[in-house]
Every structure is written in structure tokens, then in C-alpha cells.
N, C-alpha and C. Protein backbone atom coordinates (compact mmCIF):
# COMPACT_ATOMS: atom_id res chain seq x y z
N MET A 1 113.54 118.58 104.43
CA MET A 1 113.87 117.14 104.71
C MET A 1 115.28 116.90 104.27
N ASN A 2 116.00 116.15 105.07
CA ASN A 2 117.37 115.78 104.72
C ASN A 2 117.37 114.73 103.58
N MET A 3 118.09 115.02 102.51
CA MET A 3 118.15 114.20 101.36
C MET A 3 118.77 112.75 101.72
N GLY A 4 119.76 112.71 102.66
CA GLY A 4 120.24 111.46 103.03
C GLY A 4 119.20 110.63 103.66
N ARG A 5 118.47 111.21 104.50
CA ARG A 5 117.31 110.46 105.12
C ARG A 5 116.29 110.01 104.17
N LEU A 6 116.01 110.84 103.17
CA LEU A 6 115.05 110.46 102.12
C LEU A 6 115.50 109.20 101.36
N SER A 7 116.82 109.11 101.09
CA SER A 7 117.26 107.95 100.41
C SER A 7 117.28 106.70 101.26
N ASP A 8 117.43 106.88 102.55
CA ASP A 8 117.38 105.72 103.50
C ASP A 8 115.86 105.22 103.53
N VAL A 9 115.00 106.11 103.55
CA VAL A 9 113.54 105.72 103.64
C VAL A 9 113.17 105.11 102.26
N LEU A 10 113.64 105.53 101.17
CA LEU A 10 113.32 104.88 99.88
C LEU A 10 113.86 103.49 99.77
N VAL A 11 115.12 103.36 100.26
CA VAL A 11 115.74 102.01 100.19
C VAL A 11 114.97 101.01 101.23
N GLY A 12 114.61 101.55 102.30
CA GLY A 12 113.93 100.71 103.26
C GLY A 12 112.52 100.33 102.71
N ALA A 13 111.86 101.21 102.06
CA ALA A 13 110.55 100.96 101.47
C ALA A 13 110.64 99.88 100.37
N ALA A 14 111.79 100.02 99.60
CA ALA A 14 111.99 99.07 98.46
C ALA A 14 112.22 97.68 99.08
N GLY A 15 113.00 97.62 100.15
CA GLY A 15 113.20 96.33 100.85
C GLY A 15 112.02 95.71 101.40
N ASP A 16 111.10 96.63 101.94
CA ASP A 16 109.84 96.04 102.51
C ASP A 16 108.91 95.54 101.32
N VAL A 17 108.95 96.23 100.16
CA VAL A 17 108.15 95.77 99.11
C VAL A 17 108.70 94.43 98.66
N ALA A 18 109.99 94.26 98.48
CA ALA A 18 110.62 92.99 98.06
C ALA A 18 110.29 91.94 99.09
N GLY A 19 110.28 92.24 100.36
CA GLY A 19 109.89 91.30 101.39
C GLY A 19 108.49 90.81 101.34
N THR A 20 107.59 91.76 100.86
CA THR A 20 106.24 91.41 100.68
C THR A 20 106.03 90.38 99.58
N VAL A 21 106.93 90.48 98.57
CA VAL A 21 106.78 89.49 97.45
C VAL A 21 107.18 88.05 97.96
N VAL A 22 108.15 88.00 98.82
CA VAL A 22 108.64 86.70 99.33
C VAL A 22 107.63 86.14 100.41
N ASP A 23 107.25 87.00 101.40
CA ASP A 23 106.44 86.58 102.43
C ASP A 23 105.37 87.58 102.60
N PRO A 24 104.20 87.45 101.91
CA PRO A 24 103.14 88.50 101.84
C PRO A 24 102.65 88.85 103.29
N ARG A 25 102.41 87.85 104.15
CA ARG A 25 101.83 88.20 105.42
C ARG A 25 102.73 89.08 106.31
N ALA A 26 104.01 88.69 106.40
CA ALA A 26 104.94 89.46 107.17
C ALA A 26 105.27 90.76 106.53
N GLY A 27 105.36 90.79 105.23
CA GLY A 27 105.70 91.97 104.50
C GLY A 27 104.60 93.11 104.62
N LEU A 28 103.39 92.65 104.52
CA LEU A 28 102.23 93.63 104.64
C LEU A 28 102.28 94.24 106.12
N GLY A 29 102.59 93.32 107.06
CA GLY A 29 102.66 93.89 108.44
C GLY A 29 103.70 94.89 108.62
N ARG A 30 104.85 94.65 108.01
CA ARG A 30 105.97 95.67 108.03
C ARG A 30 105.62 96.88 107.33
N LEU A 31 104.98 96.79 106.20
CA LEU A 31 104.56 97.99 105.40
C LEU A 31 103.55 98.85 106.23
N ARG A 32 102.61 98.21 106.88
CA ARG A 32 101.61 98.88 107.70
C ARG A 32 102.31 99.58 108.85
N ALA A 33 103.18 98.95 109.41
CA ALA A 33 103.94 99.53 110.55
C ALA A 33 104.79 100.70 110.11
N ALA A 34 105.40 100.65 108.98
CA ALA A 34 106.34 101.69 108.52
C ALA A 34 105.53 102.93 107.97
N ALA A 35 104.30 102.70 107.58
CA ALA A 35 103.53 103.75 106.97
C ALA A 35 103.24 104.84 108.03
N SER A 36 103.52 106.06 107.66
CA SER A 36 103.23 107.14 108.60
C SER A 36 102.42 108.18 107.68
N ALA A 37 101.81 109.08 108.43
CA ALA A 37 100.98 110.13 107.74
C ALA A 37 101.75 110.90 106.71
N SER A 38 102.95 111.28 107.16
CA SER A 38 103.79 112.10 106.19
C SER A 38 104.28 111.34 105.10
N GLY A 39 104.59 110.01 105.36
CA GLY A 39 105.00 109.20 104.22
C GLY A 39 103.84 108.93 103.24
N MET A 40 102.71 108.67 103.71
CA MET A 40 101.60 108.51 102.87
C MET A 40 101.26 109.77 102.08
N LEU A 41 101.41 110.92 102.67
CA LEU A 41 101.11 112.16 102.01
C LEU A 41 102.11 112.38 100.87
N THR A 42 103.40 112.03 101.21
CA THR A 42 104.43 112.14 100.14
C THR A 42 104.19 111.26 99.00
N LEU A 43 103.85 109.99 99.28
CA LEU A 43 103.55 109.06 98.26
C LEU A 43 102.38 109.42 97.43
N THR A 44 101.30 109.95 98.01
CA THR A 44 100.14 110.40 97.26
C THR A 44 100.44 111.63 96.41
N ALA A 45 101.31 112.55 96.95
CA ALA A 45 101.61 113.72 96.22
C ALA A 45 102.49 113.28 94.98
N GLY A 46 103.42 112.33 95.17
CA GLY A 46 104.29 111.93 94.11
C GLY A 46 103.47 111.22 93.00
N LEU A 47 102.50 110.40 93.35
CA LEU A 47 101.67 109.65 92.40
C LEU A 47 100.85 110.72 91.65
N LEU A 48 100.30 111.69 92.33
CA LEU A 48 99.44 112.72 91.65
C LEU A 48 100.38 113.53 90.70
N LEU A 49 101.54 113.88 91.08
CA LEU A 49 102.38 114.68 90.20
C LEU A 49 102.79 113.86 88.92
N GLY A 50 103.11 112.59 89.21
CA GLY A 50 103.48 111.71 88.15
C GLY A 50 102.42 111.55 87.13
N TYR A 51 101.18 111.42 87.65
CA TYR A 51 100.02 111.26 86.77
C TYR A 51 99.77 112.49 85.97
N LEU A 52 99.81 113.64 86.60
CA LEU A 52 99.66 114.90 85.78
C LEU A 52 100.73 115.15 84.80
N ALA A 53 102.05 114.78 85.11
CA ALA A 53 103.14 114.89 84.18
C ALA A 53 102.86 113.99 83.01
N ALA A 54 102.47 112.74 83.27
CA ALA A 54 102.27 111.80 82.14
C ALA A 54 101.05 112.22 81.29
N ARG A 55 100.04 112.71 81.95
CA ARG A 55 98.87 113.24 81.22
C ARG A 55 99.21 114.40 80.27
N SER A 56 100.01 115.36 80.81
CA SER A 56 100.38 116.47 79.94
C SER A 56 101.16 116.04 78.78
N ARG A 57 102.17 115.01 78.96
CA ARG A 57 102.96 114.59 77.84
C ARG A 57 102.05 113.81 76.82
N TRP A 58 101.09 113.17 77.29
CA TRP A 58 100.25 112.33 76.36
C TRP A 58 99.42 113.26 75.47
N ARG A 59 98.89 114.41 75.97
CA ARG A 59 98.19 115.36 75.27
C ARG A 59 99.07 116.15 74.27
N GLY A 60 100.33 116.34 74.75
CA GLY A 60 101.24 117.33 74.04
C GLY A 60 101.61 116.73 72.68
């Protein structure tokens, strides 16, 4: 994956989340439209890795 593209996606997602706070109905519609299978897989993998990293630090 192109790292420049990844930063664009992250900035766009942050903007969509901020828009959801301001206008929940329109923001959720944009988030649903922007969600793709690969994006959801990346998000899920990131959350899982973050959880495992935090858990290993907590026990350490």
C-alpha cells in the first residue's frame, strides 16, 4: 500500500469522525459509504494488535 495514500485515508476518516460529532445523521451515512472491506479489515487488525500490545505491557 502506498504510504501517501494511507495518510490521505486516515485524514479523511478523521474528518468523517469529526463530521459525525457535528451532524450525526449525515456523518454516519458518510462513514458507512466510506467503509470498505479492506478498510474494516485494517481497522480490525489494528485494534487487535493494539489490544495485544497493551495486554503484554500490562502483564510485564
